[in-house]
Amino acid sequence: MALTKDYEYKTMGETEIIAILAGAVDLLYKGGMMNIGTDGYIKVAADVANEVTLGVLKRYVNALGSNVEWCEIERGIIRIPHSGAAQTDIGALFNADADDTLGDAPGVNIKAAGMCLGYSTGYVWIDFRMKTLGA
């Protein structure tokens, strides 16, 4: 599924903001998870090979047609909806299947969106800066 309106997300602790251009690809909604494509532009997160999920979009961006805009992406610990969120999710790596959907089993894209550091009913707290448990 994909966002059709802005999503008011919550953060925990300090976060960072990065700015990257959006190509002429889509309507990008606030709170949606964003990938960096192989072309170097921001796009709606999806389970696509060789793309990395960076974080969530801070504001709505209309990037349809020839409209190319800078997008602010917030990274850090962010609350993301996830049905069935549980204690056992803590420490698990999640991947972004869409701008509003997390998966816990990688499909085509084996790059994690981030690590779960907490949960509440219907939500997980994902740290988009933590992509692996390795050194």
Protein backbone atom coordinates (compact mmCIF):
# COMPACT_ATOMS: atom_id res chain seq x y z
CA MET A 1 0.00 0.00 0.00
CA ALA A 2 1.14 3.59 -0.40
CA LEU A 3 0.38 6.84 1.37
CA THR A 4 -2.36 9.00 -0.13
CA LYS A 5 -2.02 11.82 2.41
CA ASP A 6 0.55 13.18 4.84
CA TYR A 7 1.36 11.05 7.91
CA GLU A 8 2.18 12.75 11.22
CA TYR A 9 5.08 10.72 12.54
CA LYS A 10 6.85 10.84 15.91
CA THR A 11 10.55 10.77 16.71
CA MET A 12 12.59 9.76 19.76
CA GLY A 13 15.83 11.44 20.80
CA GLU A 14 18.01 13.42 18.43
CA THR A 15 17.47 13.13 14.70
CA GLU A 16 19.31 14.46 11.68
CA ILE A 17 18.05 16.05 8.49
CA ILE A 18 19.58 15.41 5.09
CA ALA A 19 18.54 17.13 1.84
CA ILE A 20 18.45 15.26 -1.46
CA LEU A 21 16.76 16.07 -4.77
CA ALA A 22 13.55 14.36 -5.81
CA GLY A 23 13.39 13.55 -9.49
CA ALA A 24 10.25 13.85 -11.60
CA VAL A 25 8.76 10.68 -10.15
CA ASP A 26 5.84 10.91 -7.77
CA LEU A 27 3.80 12.66 -5.14
CA LEU A 28 5.85 12.34 -1.97
CA TYR A 29 3.91 12.56 1.29
CA LYS A 30 5.13 13.81 4.65
CA GLY A 31 5.98 10.88 6.90
CA GLY A 32 6.54 8.47 4.01
CA MET A 33 9.69 6.36 3.98
CA MET A 34 12.02 7.37 1.16
CA ASN A 35 14.61 5.47 -0.86
CA ILE A 36 17.58 6.85 -2.71
CA GLY A 37 17.41 5.43 -6.21
CA THR A 38 20.32 4.28 -8.34
CA ASP A 39 19.92 7.59 -10.23
CA GLY A 40 20.72 9.56 -7.04
CA TYR A 41 17.19 10.97 -6.56
CA ILE A 42 14.72 10.45 -3.70
CA LYS A 43 11.69 8.28 -4.41
CA VAL A 44 8.93 6.44 -2.56
CA ALA A 45 10.36 3.49 -0.63
CA ALA A 46 9.83 0.08 -2.21
CA ASP A 47 11.42 -3.35 -2.13
CA VAL A 48 13.74 -2.65 -5.07
CA ALA A 49 17.23 -4.04 -5.66
CA ASN A 50 20.17 -1.69 -5.04
CA GLU A 51 18.13 1.04 -3.30
CA VAL A 52 18.60 2.24 0.27
CA THR A 53 15.87 3.55 2.58
CA LEU A 54 17.12 6.74 4.21
CA GLY A 55 14.32 7.86 6.54
CA VAL A 56 11.02 9.76 6.34
CA LEU A 57 10.06 12.84 4.37
CA LYS A 58 9.54 16.01 6.45
CA ARG A 59 6.98 17.66 4.12
CA TYR A 60 4.78 16.95 1.11
CA VAL A 61 6.54 17.31 -2.26
CA ASN A 62 4.90 17.26 -5.69
CA ALA A 63 7.62 15.74 -7.86
CA LEU A 64 5.48 14.88 -10.87
CA GLY A 65 6.44 15.91 -14.39
CA SER A 66 9.43 18.21 -14.64
CA ASN A 67 9.22 19.39 -11.04
CA VAL A 68 12.57 18.71 -9.31
CA GLU A 69 12.76 19.78 -5.65
CA TRP A 70 15.03 19.41 -2.66
CA CYS A 71 13.55 17.06 -0.06
CA GLU A 72 14.36 17.02 3.62
CA ILE A 73 14.64 13.48 4.97
CA GLU A 74 14.58 12.93 8.73
CA ARG A 75 16.78 10.13 10.06
CA GLY A 76 17.01 8.74 13.55
CA ILE A 77 14.56 6.79 15.71
CA ILE A 78 11.11 7.19 14.15
CA ARG A 79 7.77 5.52 14.99
CA ILE A 80 6.42 3.59 12.00
CA PRO A 81 3.09 1.70 11.82
CA HIS A 82 3.53 -2.08 11.88
CA SER A 83 0.74 -4.52 12.61
CA GLY A 84 1.73 -7.23 15.05
CA ALA A 85 4.51 -5.19 16.64
CA ALA A 86 5.92 -7.14 19.56
CA GLN A 87 8.77 -7.37 22.06
CA THR A 88 10.45 -9.93 19.79
CA ASP A 89 10.82 -7.23 17.08
CA ILE A 90 13.39 -5.36 19.18
CA GLY A 91 16.82 -5.81 17.64
CA ALA A 92 15.38 -7.03 14.33
CA LEU A 93 16.23 -5.37 11.02
CA PHE A 94 13.26 -4.21 8.93
CA ASN A 95 13.04 -3.34 5.24
CA ALA A 96 10.68 -0.84 3.60
CA ASP A 97 8.17 -2.51 1.29
CA ALA A 98 6.43 0.83 0.54
CA ASP A 99 6.43 4.39 1.88
CA ASP A 100 4.09 3.28 4.68
CA THR A 101 4.85 -0.45 5.03
CA LEU A 102 7.65 -2.24 6.84
CA GLY A 103 8.61 -5.83 6.15
CA ASP A 104 10.62 -8.14 8.37
CA ALA A 105 11.64 -10.53 5.60
CA PRO A 106 13.69 -9.01 2.76
CA GLY A 107 12.43 -9.60 -0.75
CA VAL A 108 14.39 -8.29 -3.72
CA ASN A 109 16.17 -5.60 -1.72
CA ILE A 110 18.30 -7.12 1.00
CA LYS A 111 19.29 -3.71 2.39
CA ALA A 112 17.62 -2.96 5.73
CA ALA A 113 15.72 0.28 6.34
CA GLY A 114 16.77 0.16 9.97
CA MET A 115 16.69 -1.65 13.30
CA CYS A 116 13.75 -1.86 15.69
CA LEU A 117 14.64 -0.35 19.08
CA GLY A 118 11.18 -0.36 20.65
CA TYR A 119 7.50 -0.99 20.05
CA SER A 120 3.98 -0.07 21.13
CA THR A 121 0.67 -1.49 19.95
CA GLY A 122 0.60 -1.15 16.15
CA TYR A 123 3.98 0.60 15.89
CA VAL A 124 7.71 -0.08 15.92
CA TRP A 125 10.45 2.46 16.64
CA ILE A 126 12.96 2.13 13.79
CA ASP A 127 16.43 3.65 13.86
CA PHE A 128 17.09 4.46 10.20
CA ARG A 129 20.79 4.97 10.97
CA MET A 130 21.32 1.32 12.03
CA LYS A 131 21.42 -0.96 9.00
CA THR A 132 23.41 -3.94 10.27
CA LEU A 133 24.61 -5.70 13.40
CA GLY A 134 28.10 -6.17 12.00
CA ALA A 135 31.23 -4.12 12.60
